Full PDB file with SEQRES, HELIX, SHEET, SSBOND, CRYST1, ORIGX, SCALE, CONECT and MASTER records, all heavy atoms in Angstrom:
SEQRES   1 A   37  ASP LEU ALA GLY LYS PHE GLN GLY CYS THR CYS MET PRO          
SEQRES   2 A   37  GLU HIS ILE CYS HIS VAL ASP THR LEU ALA TYR ILE ALA          
SEQRES   3 A   37  ASN ALA LYS GLY PHE ALA ALA HIS PRO PRO LEU                  
HELIX    1 AA1 HIS A   18  ASN A   27  1                                  10    
CRYST1    1.000    1.000    1.000  90.00  90.00  90.00 P 1           1          
ORIGX1      1.000000  0.000000  0.000000        0.00000                         
ORIGX2      0.000000  1.000000  0.000000        0.00000                         
ORIGX3      0.000000  0.000000  1.000000        0.00000                         
SCALE1      1.000000  0.000000  0.000000        0.00000                         
SCALE2      0.000000  1.000000  0.000000        0.00000                         
SCALE3      0.000000  0.000000  1.000000        0.00000                         
ATOM      1  N   ASP A   1     -12.662   6.667   5.894  1.00  0.00           N  
ATOM      2  CA  ASP A   1     -11.712   6.721   6.974  1.00  0.00           C  
ATOM      3  C   ASP A   1     -10.351   5.963   6.624  1.00  0.00           C  
ATOM      4  O   ASP A   1      -9.276   6.413   7.121  1.00  0.00           O  
ATOM      5  CB  ASP A   1     -12.239   6.058   8.265  1.00  0.00           C  
ATOM      6  CG  ASP A   1     -13.416   6.885   8.766  1.00  0.00           C  
ATOM      7  OD1 ASP A   1     -13.568   8.024   8.381  1.00  0.00           O  
ATOM      8  OD2 ASP A   1     -14.138   6.349   9.611  1.00  0.00           O  
ATOM      9  N   LEU A   2     -10.345   4.935   5.837  1.00  0.00           N  
ATOM     10  CA  LEU A   2      -9.201   4.133   5.714  1.00  0.00           C  
ATOM     11  C   LEU A   2      -8.547   4.092   4.282  1.00  0.00           C  
ATOM     12  O   LEU A   2      -7.480   3.503   4.143  1.00  0.00           O  
ATOM     13  CB  LEU A   2      -9.517   2.673   6.099  1.00  0.00           C  
ATOM     14  CG  LEU A   2      -9.970   2.443   7.536  1.00  0.00           C  
ATOM     15  CD1 LEU A   2     -10.248   0.981   7.757  1.00  0.00           C  
ATOM     16  CD2 LEU A   2      -8.938   2.925   8.542  1.00  0.00           C  
ATOM     17  N   ALA A   3      -9.222   4.701   3.308  1.00  0.00           N  
ATOM     18  CA  ALA A   3      -8.679   4.572   1.936  1.00  0.00           C  
ATOM     19  C   ALA A   3      -7.324   5.280   1.831  1.00  0.00           C  
ATOM     20  O   ALA A   3      -7.121   6.400   2.266  1.00  0.00           O  
ATOM     21  CB  ALA A   3      -9.664   5.180   0.975  1.00  0.00           C  
ATOM     22  N   GLY A   4      -6.381   4.541   1.331  1.00  0.00           N  
ATOM     23  CA  GLY A   4      -5.011   5.106   1.080  1.00  0.00           C  
ATOM     24  C   GLY A   4      -4.167   5.217   2.339  1.00  0.00           C  
ATOM     25  O   GLY A   4      -3.078   5.790   2.297  1.00  0.00           O  
ATOM     26  N   LYS A   5      -4.602   4.732   3.474  1.00  0.00           N  
ATOM     27  CA  LYS A   5      -3.878   4.819   4.710  1.00  0.00           C  
ATOM     28  C   LYS A   5      -3.184   3.485   5.029  1.00  0.00           C  
ATOM     29  O   LYS A   5      -3.698   2.415   4.673  1.00  0.00           O  
ATOM     30  CB  LYS A   5      -4.765   5.218   5.839  1.00  0.00           C  
ATOM     31  CG  LYS A   5      -5.338   6.603   5.790  1.00  0.00           C  
ATOM     32  CD  LYS A   5      -6.174   6.947   6.975  1.00  0.00           C  
ATOM     33  CE  LYS A   5      -6.724   8.366   6.897  1.00  0.00           C  
ATOM     34  NZ  LYS A   5      -7.608   8.625   8.007  1.00  0.00           N  
ATOM     35  N   PHE A   6      -2.089   3.596   5.789  1.00  0.00           N  
ATOM     36  CA  PHE A   6      -1.419   2.407   6.293  1.00  0.00           C  
ATOM     37  C   PHE A   6      -2.211   1.951   7.507  1.00  0.00           C  
ATOM     38  O   PHE A   6      -2.414   2.732   8.443  1.00  0.00           O  
ATOM     39  CB  PHE A   6       0.027   2.718   6.684  1.00  0.00           C  
ATOM     40  CG  PHE A   6       0.695   1.564   7.248  1.00  0.00           C  
ATOM     41  CD1 PHE A   6       1.199   0.554   6.491  1.00  0.00           C  
ATOM     42  CD2 PHE A   6       0.934   1.526   8.613  1.00  0.00           C  
ATOM     43  CE1 PHE A   6       1.864  -0.531   7.058  1.00  0.00           C  
ATOM     44  CE2 PHE A   6       1.565   0.422   9.189  1.00  0.00           C  
ATOM     45  CZ  PHE A   6       2.017  -0.593   8.428  1.00  0.00           C  
ATOM     46  N   GLN A   7      -2.652   0.742   7.527  1.00  0.00           N  
ATOM     47  CA  GLN A   7      -3.482   0.222   8.637  1.00  0.00           C  
ATOM     48  C   GLN A   7      -2.570  -0.710   9.474  1.00  0.00           C  
ATOM     49  O   GLN A   7      -1.964  -1.612   9.003  1.00  0.00           O  
ATOM     50  CB  GLN A   7      -4.679  -0.504   8.113  1.00  0.00           C  
ATOM     51  CG  GLN A   7      -5.565   0.394   7.266  1.00  0.00           C  
ATOM     52  CD  GLN A   7      -6.521  -0.426   6.437  1.00  0.00           C  
ATOM     53  OE1 GLN A   7      -6.854  -1.532   6.764  1.00  0.00           O  
ATOM     54  NE2 GLN A   7      -7.010   0.120   5.374  1.00  0.00           N  
ATOM     55  N   GLY A   8      -2.626  -0.451  10.814  1.00  0.00           N  
ATOM     56  CA  GLY A   8      -1.846  -1.260  11.727  1.00  0.00           C  
ATOM     57  C   GLY A   8      -2.639  -1.994  12.756  1.00  0.00           C  
ATOM     58  O   GLY A   8      -3.668  -1.469  13.207  1.00  0.00           O  
ATOM     59  N   CYS A   9      -2.276  -3.205  13.125  1.00  0.00           N  
ATOM     60  CA  CYS A   9      -2.965  -3.947  14.134  1.00  0.00           C  
ATOM     61  C   CYS A   9      -1.895  -4.783  14.903  1.00  0.00           C  
ATOM     62  O   CYS A   9      -0.730  -4.711  14.592  1.00  0.00           O  
ATOM     63  CB  CYS A   9      -4.066  -4.833  13.558  1.00  0.00           C  
ATOM     64  SG  CYS A   9      -3.424  -6.250  12.705  1.00  0.00           S  
ATOM     65  N   THR A  10      -2.365  -5.473  15.923  1.00  0.00           N  
ATOM     66  CA  THR A  10      -1.424  -6.264  16.725  1.00  0.00           C  
ATOM     67  C   THR A  10      -1.334  -7.745  16.353  1.00  0.00           C  
ATOM     68  O   THR A  10      -0.742  -8.503  17.086  1.00  0.00           O  
ATOM     69  CB  THR A  10      -1.901  -6.159  18.185  1.00  0.00           C  
ATOM     70  OG1 THR A  10      -3.230  -6.608  18.326  1.00  0.00           O  
ATOM     71  CG2 THR A  10      -1.757  -4.724  18.706  1.00  0.00           C  
ATOM     72  N   CYS A  11      -1.905  -8.068  15.181  1.00  0.00           N  
ATOM     73  CA  CYS A  11      -1.802  -9.491  14.721  1.00  0.00           C  
ATOM     74  C   CYS A  11      -0.407  -9.700  14.269  1.00  0.00           C  
ATOM     75  O   CYS A  11       0.445  -8.838  14.183  1.00  0.00           O  
ATOM     76  CB  CYS A  11      -2.794  -9.723  13.594  1.00  0.00           C  
ATOM     77  SG  CYS A  11      -4.510  -9.516  14.025  1.00  0.00           S  
ATOM     78  N   MET A  12      -0.141 -11.010  13.906  1.00  0.00           N  
ATOM     79  CA  MET A  12       1.147 -11.372  13.377  1.00  0.00           C  
ATOM     80  C   MET A  12       1.363 -10.672  12.014  1.00  0.00           C  
ATOM     81  O   MET A  12       0.601 -10.845  11.079  1.00  0.00           O  
ATOM     82  CB  MET A  12       1.275 -12.882  13.257  1.00  0.00           C  
ATOM     83  CG  MET A  12       1.152 -13.631  14.553  1.00  0.00           C  
ATOM     84  SD  MET A  12       0.969 -15.402  14.422  1.00  0.00           S  
ATOM     85  CE  MET A  12       2.532 -15.894  13.692  1.00  0.00           C  
ATOM     86  N   PRO A  13       2.463  -9.893  11.865  1.00  0.00           N  
ATOM     87  CA  PRO A  13       2.592  -9.087  10.674  1.00  0.00           C  
ATOM     88  C   PRO A  13       2.809  -9.864   9.389  1.00  0.00           C  
ATOM     89  O   PRO A  13       2.433  -9.413   8.325  1.00  0.00           O  
ATOM     90  CB  PRO A  13       3.799  -8.191  10.947  1.00  0.00           C  
ATOM     91  CG  PRO A  13       4.534  -8.912  12.066  1.00  0.00           C  
ATOM     92  CD  PRO A  13       3.571  -9.650  12.820  1.00  0.00           C  
ATOM     93  N   GLU A  14       3.330 -11.045   9.487  1.00  0.00           N  
ATOM     94  CA  GLU A  14       3.605 -11.829   8.233  1.00  0.00           C  
ATOM     95  C   GLU A  14       2.434 -12.640   7.746  1.00  0.00           C  
ATOM     96  O   GLU A  14       2.575 -13.319   6.753  1.00  0.00           O  
ATOM     97  CB  GLU A  14       4.812 -12.709   8.433  1.00  0.00           C  
ATOM     98  CG  GLU A  14       4.683 -13.798   9.452  1.00  0.00           C  
ATOM     99  CD  GLU A  14       5.012 -13.368  10.868  1.00  0.00           C  
ATOM    100  OE1 GLU A  14       5.382 -12.186  11.102  1.00  0.00           O  
ATOM    101  OE2 GLU A  14       5.017 -14.175  11.759  1.00  0.00           O  
ATOM    102  N   HIS A  15       1.325 -12.653   8.453  1.00  0.00           N  
ATOM    103  CA  HIS A  15       0.180 -13.434   8.091  1.00  0.00           C  
ATOM    104  C   HIS A  15      -1.043 -12.560   7.797  1.00  0.00           C  
ATOM    105  O   HIS A  15      -1.139 -11.448   8.206  1.00  0.00           O  
ATOM    106  CB  HIS A  15      -0.209 -14.440   9.208  1.00  0.00           C  
ATOM    107  CG  HIS A  15       0.860 -15.385   9.505  1.00  0.00           C  
ATOM    108  ND1 HIS A  15       1.327 -16.366   8.642  1.00  0.00           N  
ATOM    109  CD2 HIS A  15       1.761 -15.458  10.570  1.00  0.00           C  
ATOM    110  CE1 HIS A  15       2.329 -17.011   9.136  1.00  0.00           C  
ATOM    111  NE2 HIS A  15       2.599 -16.463  10.317  1.00  0.00           N  
ATOM    112  N   ILE A  16      -1.997 -13.173   7.040  1.00  0.00           N  
ATOM    113  CA  ILE A  16      -3.178 -12.430   6.684  1.00  0.00           C  
ATOM    114  C   ILE A  16      -4.120 -12.297   7.934  1.00  0.00           C  
ATOM    115  O   ILE A  16      -4.173 -13.227   8.717  1.00  0.00           O  
ATOM    116  CB  ILE A  16      -3.933 -13.267   5.624  1.00  0.00           C  
ATOM    117  CG1 ILE A  16      -3.149 -13.266   4.297  1.00  0.00           C  
ATOM    118  CG2 ILE A  16      -5.275 -12.692   5.345  1.00  0.00           C  
ATOM    119  CD1 ILE A  16      -3.709 -14.162   3.227  1.00  0.00           C  
ATOM    120  N   CYS A  17      -4.609 -11.120   8.103  1.00  0.00           N  
ATOM    121  CA  CYS A  17      -5.511 -10.853   9.262  1.00  0.00           C  
ATOM    122  C   CYS A  17      -6.670  -9.949   8.813  1.00  0.00           C  
ATOM    123  O   CYS A  17      -6.827  -9.725   7.595  1.00  0.00           O  
ATOM    124  CB  CYS A  17      -4.749 -10.296  10.431  1.00  0.00           C  
ATOM    125  SG  CYS A  17      -4.206  -8.557  10.194  1.00  0.00           S  
ATOM    126  N   HIS A  18      -7.413  -9.352   9.718  1.00  0.00           N  
ATOM    127  CA  HIS A  18      -8.550  -8.611   9.390  1.00  0.00           C  
ATOM    128  C   HIS A  18      -8.236  -7.290   8.703  1.00  0.00           C  
ATOM    129  O   HIS A  18      -9.110  -6.745   8.006  1.00  0.00           O  
ATOM    130  CB  HIS A  18      -9.377  -8.331  10.637  1.00  0.00           C  
ATOM    131  CG  HIS A  18      -8.759  -7.357  11.625  1.00  0.00           C  
ATOM    132  ND1 HIS A  18      -7.718  -7.694  12.462  1.00  0.00           N  
ATOM    133  CD2 HIS A  18      -9.005  -6.064  11.862  1.00  0.00           C  
ATOM    134  CE1 HIS A  18      -7.325  -6.689  13.104  1.00  0.00           C  
ATOM    135  NE2 HIS A  18      -8.070  -5.663  12.853  1.00  0.00           N  
ATOM    136  N   VAL A  19      -6.976  -6.870   8.795  1.00  0.00           N  
ATOM    137  CA  VAL A  19      -6.570  -5.632   8.117  1.00  0.00           C  
ATOM    138  C   VAL A  19      -6.687  -5.848   6.630  1.00  0.00           C  
ATOM    139  O   VAL A  19      -7.007  -4.932   5.864  1.00  0.00           O  
ATOM    140  CB  VAL A  19      -5.111  -5.296   8.517  1.00  0.00           C  
ATOM    141  CG1 VAL A  19      -4.577  -4.152   7.643  1.00  0.00           C  
ATOM    142  CG2 VAL A  19      -5.088  -4.855   9.985  1.00  0.00           C  
ATOM    143  N   ASP A  20      -6.390  -7.055   6.112  1.00  0.00           N  
ATOM    144  CA  ASP A  20      -6.482  -7.293   4.700  1.00  0.00           C  
ATOM    145  C   ASP A  20      -7.891  -7.152   4.181  1.00  0.00           C  
ATOM    146  O   ASP A  20      -8.151  -6.676   3.040  1.00  0.00           O  
ATOM    147  CB  ASP A  20      -5.965  -8.658   4.384  1.00  0.00           C  
ATOM    148  CG  ASP A  20      -4.476  -8.856   4.728  1.00  0.00           C  
ATOM    149  OD1 ASP A  20      -3.694  -8.013   4.281  1.00  0.00           O  
ATOM    150  OD2 ASP A  20      -4.112  -9.713   5.556  1.00  0.00           O  
ATOM    151  N   THR A  21      -8.860  -7.559   4.987  1.00  0.00           N  
ATOM    152  CA  THR A  21     -10.301  -7.403   4.619  1.00  0.00           C  
ATOM    153  C   THR A  21     -10.685  -5.948   4.578  1.00  0.00           C  
ATOM    154  O   THR A  21     -11.309  -5.463   3.609  1.00  0.00           O  
ATOM    155  CB  THR A  21     -11.230  -8.130   5.593  1.00  0.00           C  
ATOM    156  OG1 THR A  21     -10.843  -9.491   5.716  1.00  0.00           O  
ATOM    157  CG2 THR A  21     -12.656  -8.059   5.240  1.00  0.00           C  
ATOM    158  N   LEU A  22     -10.204  -5.188   5.550  1.00  0.00           N  
ATOM    159  CA  LEU A  22     -10.473  -3.731   5.605  1.00  0.00           C  
ATOM    160  C   LEU A  22      -9.784  -3.058   4.453  1.00  0.00           C  
ATOM    161  O   LEU A  22     -10.368  -2.108   3.805  1.00  0.00           O  
ATOM    162  CB  LEU A  22     -10.006  -3.117   6.944  1.00  0.00           C  
ATOM    163  CG  LEU A  22     -10.818  -3.589   8.144  1.00  0.00           C  
ATOM    164  CD1 LEU A  22     -10.143  -3.119   9.437  1.00  0.00           C  
ATOM    165  CD2 LEU A  22     -12.261  -3.036   8.094  1.00  0.00           C  
ATOM    166  N   ALA A  23      -8.586  -3.436   4.143  1.00  0.00           N  
ATOM    167  CA  ALA A  23      -7.854  -2.786   3.029  1.00  0.00           C  
ATOM    168  C   ALA A  23      -8.514  -3.098   1.712  1.00  0.00           C  
ATOM    169  O   ALA A  23      -8.602  -2.221   0.806  1.00  0.00           O  
ATOM    170  CB  ALA A  23      -6.408  -3.233   3.021  1.00  0.00           C  
ATOM    171  N   TYR A  24      -9.044  -4.315   1.521  1.00  0.00           N  
ATOM    172  CA  TYR A  24      -9.760  -4.682   0.323  1.00  0.00           C  
ATOM    173  C   TYR A  24     -11.006  -3.803   0.170  1.00  0.00           C  
ATOM    174  O   TYR A  24     -11.279  -3.365  -0.944  1.00  0.00           O  
ATOM    175  CB  TYR A  24     -10.137  -6.158   0.404  1.00  0.00           C  
ATOM    176  CG  TYR A  24     -10.927  -6.652  -0.821  1.00  0.00           C  
ATOM    177  CD1 TYR A  24     -10.315  -6.929  -1.980  1.00  0.00           C  
ATOM    178  CD2 TYR A  24     -12.270  -6.785  -0.704  1.00  0.00           C  
ATOM    179  CE1 TYR A  24     -11.050  -7.399  -3.076  1.00  0.00           C  
ATOM    180  CE2 TYR A  24     -13.041  -7.181  -1.774  1.00  0.00           C  
ATOM    181  CZ  TYR A  24     -12.406  -7.540  -2.980  1.00  0.00           C  
ATOM    182  OH  TYR A  24     -13.152  -7.927  -4.010  1.00  0.00           O  
ATOM    183  N   ILE A  25     -11.745  -3.629   1.287  1.00  0.00           N  
ATOM    184  CA  ILE A  25     -12.962  -2.820   1.126  1.00  0.00           C  
ATOM    185  C   ILE A  25     -12.596  -1.353   0.928  1.00  0.00           C  
ATOM    186  O   ILE A  25     -13.213  -0.693   0.082  1.00  0.00           O  
ATOM    187  CB  ILE A  25     -13.776  -2.972   2.472  1.00  0.00           C  
ATOM    188  CG1 ILE A  25     -14.302  -4.407   2.568  1.00  0.00           C  
ATOM    189  CG2 ILE A  25     -14.976  -1.978   2.465  1.00  0.00           C  
ATOM    190  CD1 ILE A  25     -14.901  -4.707   3.944  1.00  0.00           C  
ATOM    191  N   ALA A  26     -11.575  -0.864   1.656  1.00  0.00           N  
ATOM    192  CA  ALA A  26     -11.266   0.596   1.580  1.00  0.00           C  
ATOM    193  C   ALA A  26     -10.705   0.960   0.162  1.00  0.00           C  
ATOM    194  O   ALA A  26     -11.004   2.099  -0.318  1.00  0.00           O  
ATOM    195  CB  ALA A  26     -10.256   0.953   2.634  1.00  0.00           C  
ATOM    196  N   ASN A  27      -9.991   0.093  -0.477  1.00  0.00           N  
ATOM    197  CA  ASN A  27      -9.342   0.388  -1.718  1.00  0.00           C  
ATOM    198  C   ASN A  27      -9.974  -0.163  -2.933  1.00  0.00           C  
ATOM    199  O   ASN A  27      -9.407  -0.143  -4.037  1.00  0.00           O  
ATOM    200  CB  ASN A  27      -7.849  -0.026  -1.640  1.00  0.00           C  
ATOM    201  CG  ASN A  27      -7.107   0.723  -0.535  1.00  0.00           C  
ATOM    202  OD1 ASN A  27      -7.326   1.896  -0.320  1.00  0.00           O  
ATOM    203  ND2 ASN A  27      -6.257  -0.029   0.193  1.00  0.00           N  
ATOM    204  N   ALA A  28     -11.169  -0.817  -2.769  1.00  0.00           N  
ATOM    205  CA  ALA A  28     -11.876  -1.401  -3.903  1.00  0.00           C  
ATOM    206  C   ALA A  28     -12.380  -0.280  -4.783  1.00  0.00           C  
ATOM    207  O   ALA A  28     -12.874   0.683  -4.341  1.00  0.00           O  
ATOM    208  CB  ALA A  28     -12.984  -2.257  -3.384  1.00  0.00           C  
ATOM    209  N   LYS A  29     -12.333  -0.569  -6.084  1.00  0.00           N  
ATOM    210  CA  LYS A  29     -12.932   0.310  -7.053  1.00  0.00           C  
ATOM    211  C   LYS A  29     -14.414   0.005  -7.116  1.00  0.00           C  
ATOM    212  O   LYS A  29     -14.826  -1.120  -7.364  1.00  0.00           O  
ATOM    213  CB  LYS A  29     -12.304   0.085  -8.439  1.00  0.00           C  
ATOM    214  CG  LYS A  29     -10.803   0.256  -8.470  1.00  0.00           C  
ATOM    215  CD  LYS A  29     -10.412   1.697  -8.505  1.00  0.00           C  
ATOM    216  CE  LYS A  29      -8.923   1.821  -8.732  1.00  0.00           C  
ATOM    217  NZ  LYS A  29      -8.259   2.592  -7.779  1.00  0.00           N  
ATOM    218  N   GLY A  30     -15.246   1.034  -6.886  1.00  0.00           N  
ATOM    219  CA  GLY A  30     -16.707   0.797  -6.926  1.00  0.00           C  
ATOM    220  C   GLY A  30     -17.127   0.129  -5.666  1.00  0.00           C  
ATOM    221  O   GLY A  30     -16.628   0.383  -4.543  1.00  0.00           O  
ATOM    222  N   PHE A  31     -17.979  -0.840  -5.739  1.00  0.00           N  
ATOM    223  CA  PHE A  31     -18.568  -1.538  -4.603  1.00  0.00           C  
ATOM    224  C   PHE A  31     -17.864  -2.864  -4.387  1.00  0.00           C  
ATOM    225  O   PHE A  31     -17.671  -3.590  -5.376  1.00  0.00           O  
ATOM    226  CB  PHE A  31     -20.029  -1.723  -4.761  1.00  0.00           C  
ATOM    227  CG  PHE A  31     -20.693  -2.426  -3.596  1.00  0.00           C  
ATOM    228  CD1 PHE A  31     -20.784  -1.890  -2.368  1.00  0.00           C  
ATOM    229  CD2 PHE A  31     -21.193  -3.735  -3.806  1.00  0.00           C  
ATOM    230  CE1 PHE A  31     -21.359  -2.549  -1.322  1.00  0.00           C  
ATOM    231  CE2 PHE A  31     -21.765  -4.407  -2.740  1.00  0.00           C  
ATOM    232  CZ  PHE A  31     -21.890  -3.792  -1.444  1.00  0.00           C  
ATOM    233  N   ALA A  32     -17.351  -3.153  -3.244  1.00  0.00           N  
ATOM    234  CA  ALA A  32     -16.699  -4.442  -2.933  1.00  0.00           C  
ATOM    235  C   ALA A  32     -17.751  -5.446  -2.665  1.00  0.00           C  
ATOM    236  O   ALA A  32     -18.064  -5.780  -1.558  1.00  0.00           O  
ATOM    237  CB  ALA A  32     -15.766  -4.283  -1.719  1.00  0.00           C  
ATOM    238  N   ALA A  33     -18.347  -5.999  -3.767  1.00  0.00           N  
ATOM    239  CA  ALA A  33     -19.486  -6.905  -3.636  1.00  0.00           C  
ATOM    240  C   ALA A  33     -19.111  -8.235  -3.015  1.00  0.00           C  
ATOM    241  O   ALA A  33     -19.931  -8.837  -2.388  1.00  0.00           O  
ATOM    242  CB  ALA A  33     -20.131  -7.062  -5.023  1.00  0.00           C  
ATOM    243  N   HIS A  34     -17.988  -8.699  -3.275  1.00  0.00           N  
ATOM    244  CA  HIS A  34     -17.625 -10.059  -2.825  1.00  0.00           C  
ATOM    245  C   HIS A  34     -16.455  -9.951  -1.851  1.00  0.00           C  
ATOM    246  O   HIS A  34     -15.566  -9.197  -1.989  1.00  0.00           O  
ATOM    247  CB  HIS A  34     -17.162 -10.921  -4.037  1.00  0.00           C  
ATOM    248  CG  HIS A  34     -18.261 -11.007  -5.068  1.00  0.00           C  
ATOM    249  ND1 HIS A  34     -19.340 -11.824  -4.888  1.00  0.00           N  
ATOM    250  CD2 HIS A  34     -18.357 -10.487  -6.277  1.00  0.00           C  
ATOM    251  CE1 HIS A  34     -20.108 -11.736  -5.956  1.00  0.00           C  
ATOM    252  NE2 HIS A  34     -19.549 -10.958  -6.811  1.00  0.00           N  
ATOM    253  N   PRO A  35     -16.529 -10.838  -0.836  1.00  0.00           N  
ATOM    254  CA  PRO A  35     -15.417 -10.876   0.106  1.00  0.00           C  
ATOM    255  C   PRO A  35     -14.124 -11.270  -0.595  1.00  0.00           C  
ATOM    256  O   PRO A  35     -14.153 -11.977  -1.596  1.00  0.00           O  
ATOM    257  CB  PRO A  35     -15.836 -11.882   1.147  1.00  0.00           C  
ATOM    258  CG  PRO A  35     -17.029 -12.532   0.701  1.00  0.00           C  
ATOM    259  CD  PRO A  35     -17.558 -11.768  -0.512  1.00  0.00           C  
ATOM    260  N   PRO A  36     -12.965 -10.898  -0.045  1.00  0.00           N  
ATOM    261  CA  PRO A  36     -11.719 -11.266  -0.671  1.00  0.00           C  
ATOM    262  C   PRO A  36     -11.523 -12.756  -0.669  1.00  0.00           C  
ATOM    263  O   PRO A  36     -12.084 -13.452   0.199  1.00  0.00           O  
ATOM    264  CB  PRO A  36     -10.664 -10.536   0.166  1.00  0.00           C  
ATOM    265  CG  PRO A  36     -11.346 -10.178   1.418  1.00  0.00           C  
ATOM    266  CD  PRO A  36     -12.784 -10.020   1.097  1.00  0.00           C  
ATOM    267  N   LEU A  37     -10.818 -13.301  -1.625  1.00  0.00           N  
ATOM    268  CA  LEU A  37     -10.622 -14.711  -1.690  1.00  0.00           C  
ATOM    269  C   LEU A  37      -9.924 -15.226  -0.463  1.00  0.00           C  
ATOM    270  O   LEU A  37      -8.912 -14.697  -0.012  1.00  0.00           O  
ATOM    271  CB  LEU A  37      -9.812 -15.051  -2.935  1.00  0.00           C  
ATOM    272  CG  LEU A  37     -10.446 -14.756  -4.281  1.00  0.00           C  
ATOM    273  CD1 LEU A  37      -9.479 -15.020  -5.401  1.00  0.00           C  
ATOM    274  CD2 LEU A  37     -11.697 -15.629  -4.445  1.00  0.00           C  
TER     275      LEU A  37                                                      
MASTER        0    0    0    1    0    0    0    6  274    1    0    3          
END                                                                             
């Protein structure tokens, strides 16, 4: 659903939020075994 798409949410745009976790999972090569740092 999310690979290669621009993901938008209502969090503060200049800070890390849950979109970064979703983008990491969606665009990971193979299996995203570990959570992002």
